[in-house]
Amino acid sequence: MKTLILLFLIFFPPQENIKIKDAWIRPAPEKMTSALYFTIENKGETADTLYKVASDMAAKVEIHETYTEGEMMGMREVDFIVIPGKSSFELKPGAHHVMLMKLKKNIKVGDEENFTLYFKGVGEIKITAKAKK
């Protein structure tokens, strides 16, 4: 049985289905708010779901979306983002993004910060994002 599981993992490594590209964060002063952006590529056949993002750099980390109702624009927290199989999803300014609230330190252009992304299918993926304007 162990051999069968090992062979399955060798030929179908789960994290290879999800790739994170172009991760970046906005510079911001300590105690303020910033945002994390990146592209999720799902090379697998089935959908996967990003349901949480964690970082030590902020007191609160939430997945958000920007929305428009009539002439008003706003942001709100979402519980998850589904990435269909054989597709990609871009978190970008003015759309879905990760809010970093109550920063624990100043973030300057060129700084790099670590994040952990939690997916229902592939589990945890650790990334590094660079601060840029």
C-alpha atoms as a PDB file:
ATOM      1  CA  MET A   1       0.000   0.000   0.000  1.00  0.00           C
ATOM      2  CA  LYS A   2       2.812   2.446   0.866  1.00  0.00           C
ATOM      3  CA  THR A   3       4.413   1.751  -2.505  1.00  0.00           C
ATOM      4  CA  LEU A   4       1.160   2.545  -4.298  1.00  0.00           C
ATOM      5  CA  ILE A   5       0.792   5.871  -2.460  1.00  0.00           C
ATOM      6  CA  LEU A   6       4.413   6.768  -3.158  1.00  0.00           C
ATOM      7  CA  LEU A   7       4.019   5.996  -6.864  1.00  0.00           C
ATOM      8  CA  PHE A   8       0.851   8.108  -6.983  1.00  0.00           C
ATOM      9  CA  LEU A   9       2.636  11.084  -5.410  1.00  0.00           C
ATOM     10  CA  ILE A  10       5.612  10.719  -7.761  1.00  0.00           C
ATOM     11  CA  PHE A  11       3.453  10.729 -10.889  1.00  0.00           C
ATOM     12  CA  PHE A  12       0.774  13.173  -9.652  1.00  0.00           C
ATOM     13  CA  PRO A  13       2.389  15.676  -7.291  1.00  0.00           C
ATOM     14  CA  PRO A  14      -0.508  17.845  -6.104  1.00  0.00           C
ATOM     15  CA  GLN A  15       1.270  21.184  -5.677  1.00  0.00           C
ATOM     16  CA  GLU A  16       2.529  21.128  -9.248  1.00  0.00           C
ATOM     17  CA  ASN A  17      -1.051  21.775 -10.346  1.00  0.00           C
ATOM     18  CA  ILE A  18      -1.122  25.187  -8.632  1.00  0.00           C
ATOM     19  CA  LYS A  19       1.520  27.804  -9.461  1.00  0.00           C
ATOM     20  CA  ILE A  20       1.742  31.281  -7.952  1.00  0.00           C
ATOM     21  CA  LYS A  21       3.237  33.972 -10.183  1.00  0.00           C
ATOM     22  CA  ASP A  22       4.130  37.654  -9.948  1.00  0.00           C
ATOM     23  CA  ALA A  23       3.484  38.115  -6.206  1.00  0.00           C
ATOM     24  CA  TRP A  24       3.891  41.701  -5.004  1.00  0.00           C
ATOM     25  CA  ILE A  25       2.786  43.994  -2.194  1.00  0.00           C
ATOM     26  CA  ARG A  26       2.257  47.745  -1.904  1.00  0.00           C
ATOM     27  CA  PRO A  27       4.682  49.759   0.246  1.00  0.00           C
ATOM     28  CA  ALA A  28       3.013  51.201   3.367  1.00  0.00           C
ATOM     29  CA  PRO A  29       3.918  52.526   6.824  1.00  0.00           C
ATOM     30  CA  GLU A  30       3.624  50.520  10.037  1.00  0.00           C
ATOM     31  CA  LYS A  31       0.088  50.271  11.508  1.00  0.00           C
ATOM     32  CA  MET A  32      -1.480  51.094   8.120  1.00  0.00           C
ATOM     33  CA  THR A  33      -2.948  48.896   5.382  1.00  0.00           C
ATOM     34  CA  SER A  34      -1.352  47.301   2.337  1.00  0.00           C
ATOM     35  CA  ALA A  35      -2.370  44.673  -0.208  1.00  0.00           C
ATOM     36  CA  LEU A  36      -0.932  41.504  -1.719  1.00  0.00           C
ATOM     37  CA  TYR A  37      -1.426  40.664  -5.395  1.00  0.00           C
ATOM     38  CA  PHE A  38      -0.511  37.591  -7.450  1.00  0.00           C
ATOM     39  CA  THR A  39      -1.722  35.242 -10.174  1.00  0.00           C
ATOM     40  CA  ILE A  40      -2.847  31.681  -9.435  1.00  0.00           C
ATOM     41  CA  GLU A  41      -2.403  29.199 -12.277  1.00  0.00           C
ATOM     42  CA  ASN A  42      -4.307  25.930 -11.980  1.00  0.00           C
ATOM     43  CA  LYS A  43      -2.743  23.447 -14.401  1.00  0.00           C
ATOM     44  CA  GLY A  44      -4.794  20.570 -13.013  1.00  0.00           C
ATOM     45  CA  GLU A  45      -8.037  19.160 -14.384  1.00  0.00           C
ATOM     46  CA  THR A  46     -10.117  19.985 -11.298  1.00  0.00           C
ATOM     47  CA  ALA A  47     -10.885  23.237  -9.519  1.00  0.00           C
ATOM     48  CA  ASP A  48      -9.107  24.232  -6.331  1.00  0.00           C
ATOM     49  CA  THR A  49     -10.056  26.815  -3.732  1.00  0.00           C
ATOM     50  CA  LEU A  50      -7.934  29.458  -2.015  1.00  0.00           C
ATOM     51  CA  TYR A  51      -9.591  29.908   1.377  1.00  0.00           C
ATOM     52  CA  LYS A  52      -6.972  31.605   3.568  1.00  0.00           C
ATOM     53  CA  VAL A  53      -3.778  33.647   3.440  1.00  0.00           C
ATOM     54  CA  ALA A  54      -1.487  34.052   6.456  1.00  0.00           C
ATOM     55  CA  SER A  55       1.441  36.339   7.259  1.00  0.00           C
ATOM     56  CA  ASP A  56       3.280  37.542  10.358  1.00  0.00           C
ATOM     57  CA  MET A  57       3.639  41.041   8.883  1.00  0.00           C
ATOM     58  CA  ALA A  58       0.059  42.168   9.623  1.00  0.00           C
ATOM     59  CA  ALA A  59      -2.362  41.823  12.531  1.00  0.00           C
ATOM     60  CA  LYS A  60      -5.153  40.861  10.121  1.00  0.00           C
ATOM     61  CA  VAL A  61      -5.025  39.234   6.673  1.00  0.00           C
ATOM     62  CA  GLU A  62      -8.207  38.843   4.603  1.00  0.00           C
ATOM     63  CA  ILE A  63      -9.154  37.955   1.026  1.00  0.00           C
ATOM     64  CA  HIS A  64     -11.153  40.860  -0.436  1.00  0.00           C
ATOM     65  CA  GLU A  65     -12.948  41.844  -3.601  1.00  0.00           C
ATOM     66  CA  THR A  66     -13.679  45.273  -5.011  1.00  0.00           C
ATOM     67  CA  TYR A  67     -17.290  45.752  -6.068  1.00  0.00           C
ATOM     68  CA  THR A  68     -19.540  48.404  -7.575  1.00  0.00           C
ATOM     69  CA  GLU A  69     -23.148  49.029  -6.604  1.00  0.00           C
ATOM     70  CA  GLY A  70     -24.717  51.834  -8.593  1.00  0.00           C
ATOM     71  CA  GLU A  71     -22.276  54.730  -8.465  1.00  0.00           C
ATOM     72  CA  MET A  72     -20.580  53.530  -5.276  1.00  0.00           C
ATOM     73  CA  MET A  73     -17.457  51.423  -5.133  1.00  0.00           C
ATOM     74  CA  GLY A  74     -16.285  49.423  -2.140  1.00  0.00           C
ATOM     75  CA  MET A  75     -14.366  46.430  -0.829  1.00  0.00           C
ATOM     76  CA  ARG A  76     -15.605  43.440   1.102  1.00  0.00           C
ATOM     77  CA  GLU A  77     -14.144  40.247   2.507  1.00  0.00           C
ATOM     78  CA  VAL A  78     -14.783  36.992   0.642  1.00  0.00           C
ATOM     79  CA  ASP A  79     -14.502  33.522   2.159  1.00  0.00           C
ATOM     80  CA  PHE A  80     -12.680  31.928  -0.777  1.00  0.00           C
ATOM     81  CA  ILE A  81     -11.687  32.101  -4.439  1.00  0.00           C
ATOM     82  CA  VAL A  82     -12.335  29.101  -6.717  1.00  0.00           C
ATOM     83  CA  ILE A  83      -9.839  28.556  -9.520  1.00  0.00           C
ATOM     84  CA  PRO A  84     -11.320  26.218 -12.165  1.00  0.00           C
ATOM     85  CA  GLY A  85      -9.108  23.545 -13.693  1.00  0.00           C
ATOM     86  CA  LYS A  86      -6.930  24.584 -16.618  1.00  0.00           C
ATOM     87  CA  SER A  87      -7.329  28.295 -15.842  1.00  0.00           C
ATOM     88  CA  SER A  88      -5.771  31.196 -13.981  1.00  0.00           C
ATOM     89  CA  PHE A  89      -7.050  33.853 -11.589  1.00  0.00           C
ATOM     90  CA  GLU A  90      -5.369  37.224 -11.082  1.00  0.00           C
ATOM     91  CA  LEU A  91      -5.549  39.109  -7.801  1.00  0.00           C
ATOM     92  CA  LYS A  92      -4.918  42.725  -8.835  1.00  0.00           C
ATOM     93  CA  PRO A  93      -5.649  46.336  -7.862  1.00  0.00           C
ATOM     94  CA  GLY A  94      -9.335  47.174  -8.308  1.00  0.00           C
ATOM     95  CA  ALA A  95     -10.381  43.524  -8.180  1.00  0.00           C
ATOM     96  CA  HIS A  96      -9.718  40.575  -5.838  1.00  0.00           C
ATOM     97  CA  HIS A  97      -6.722  41.086  -3.532  1.00  0.00           C
ATOM     98  CA  VAL A  98      -5.416  40.186  -0.089  1.00  0.00           C
ATOM     99  CA  MET A  99      -5.769  42.979   2.490  1.00  0.00           C
ATOM    100  CA  LEU A 100      -2.939  43.349   5.006  1.00  0.00           C
ATOM    101  CA  MET A 101      -4.292  45.374   7.929  1.00  0.00           C
ATOM    102  CA  LYS A 102      -2.437  46.936  10.845  1.00  0.00           C
ATOM    103  CA  LEU A 103       1.049  46.317   9.484  1.00  0.00           C
ATOM    104  CA  LYS A 104       3.576  45.382  12.142  1.00  0.00           C
ATOM    105  CA  LYS A 105       6.419  47.224  10.367  1.00  0.00           C
ATOM    106  CA  ASN A 106       7.139  49.653   7.556  1.00  0.00           C
ATOM    107  CA  ILE A 107       7.089  48.115   4.085  1.00  0.00           C
ATOM    108  CA  LYS A 108       9.470  49.859   1.669  1.00  0.00           C
ATOM    109  CA  VAL A 109      10.012  49.343  -2.050  1.00  0.00           C
ATOM    110  CA  GLY A 110      12.259  46.303  -2.485  1.00  0.00           C
ATOM    111  CA  ASP A 111      11.331  44.629   0.820  1.00  0.00           C
ATOM    112  CA  GLU A 112      10.366  40.967   0.614  1.00  0.00           C
ATOM    113  CA  GLU A 113       7.709  39.341   2.803  1.00  0.00           C
ATOM    114  CA  ASN A 114       6.611  35.725   3.233  1.00  0.00           C
ATOM    115  CA  PHE A 115       3.042  34.453   2.997  1.00  0.00           C
ATOM    116  CA  THR A 116       1.310  31.096   3.273  1.00  0.00           C
ATOM    117  CA  LEU A 117      -1.596  30.399   0.932  1.00  0.00           C
ATOM    118  CA  TYR A 118      -4.093  27.711   1.968  1.00  0.00           C
ATOM    119  CA  PHE A 119      -5.870  25.697  -0.729  1.00  0.00           C
ATOM    120  CA  LYS A 120      -8.502  23.005  -0.187  1.00  0.00           C
ATOM    121  CA  GLY A 121      -6.859  20.645  -2.687  1.00  0.00           C
ATOM    122  CA  VAL A 122      -3.098  21.164  -2.670  1.00  0.00           C
ATOM    123  CA  GLY A 123      -2.818  22.409   0.911  1.00  0.00           C
ATOM    124  CA  GLU A 124      -0.262  25.054   1.889  1.00  0.00           C
ATOM    125  CA  ILE A 125       1.892  26.964  -0.579  1.00  0.00           C
ATOM    126  CA  LYS A 126       4.548  29.354   0.728  1.00  0.00           C
ATOM    127  CA  ILE A 127       5.399  32.396  -1.369  1.00  0.00           C
ATOM    128  CA  THR A 128       7.561  35.504  -1.146  1.00  0.00           C
ATOM    129  CA  ALA A 129       6.258  38.850  -2.415  1.00  0.00           C
ATOM    130  CA  LYS A 130       8.374  41.912  -3.176  1.00  0.00           C
ATOM    131  CA  ALA A 131       7.184  45.443  -2.384  1.00  0.00           C
ATOM    132  CA  LYS A 132       6.791  47.680  -5.405  1.00  0.00           C
ATOM    133  CA  LYS A 133       4.794  50.730  -6.449  1.00  0.00           C
END
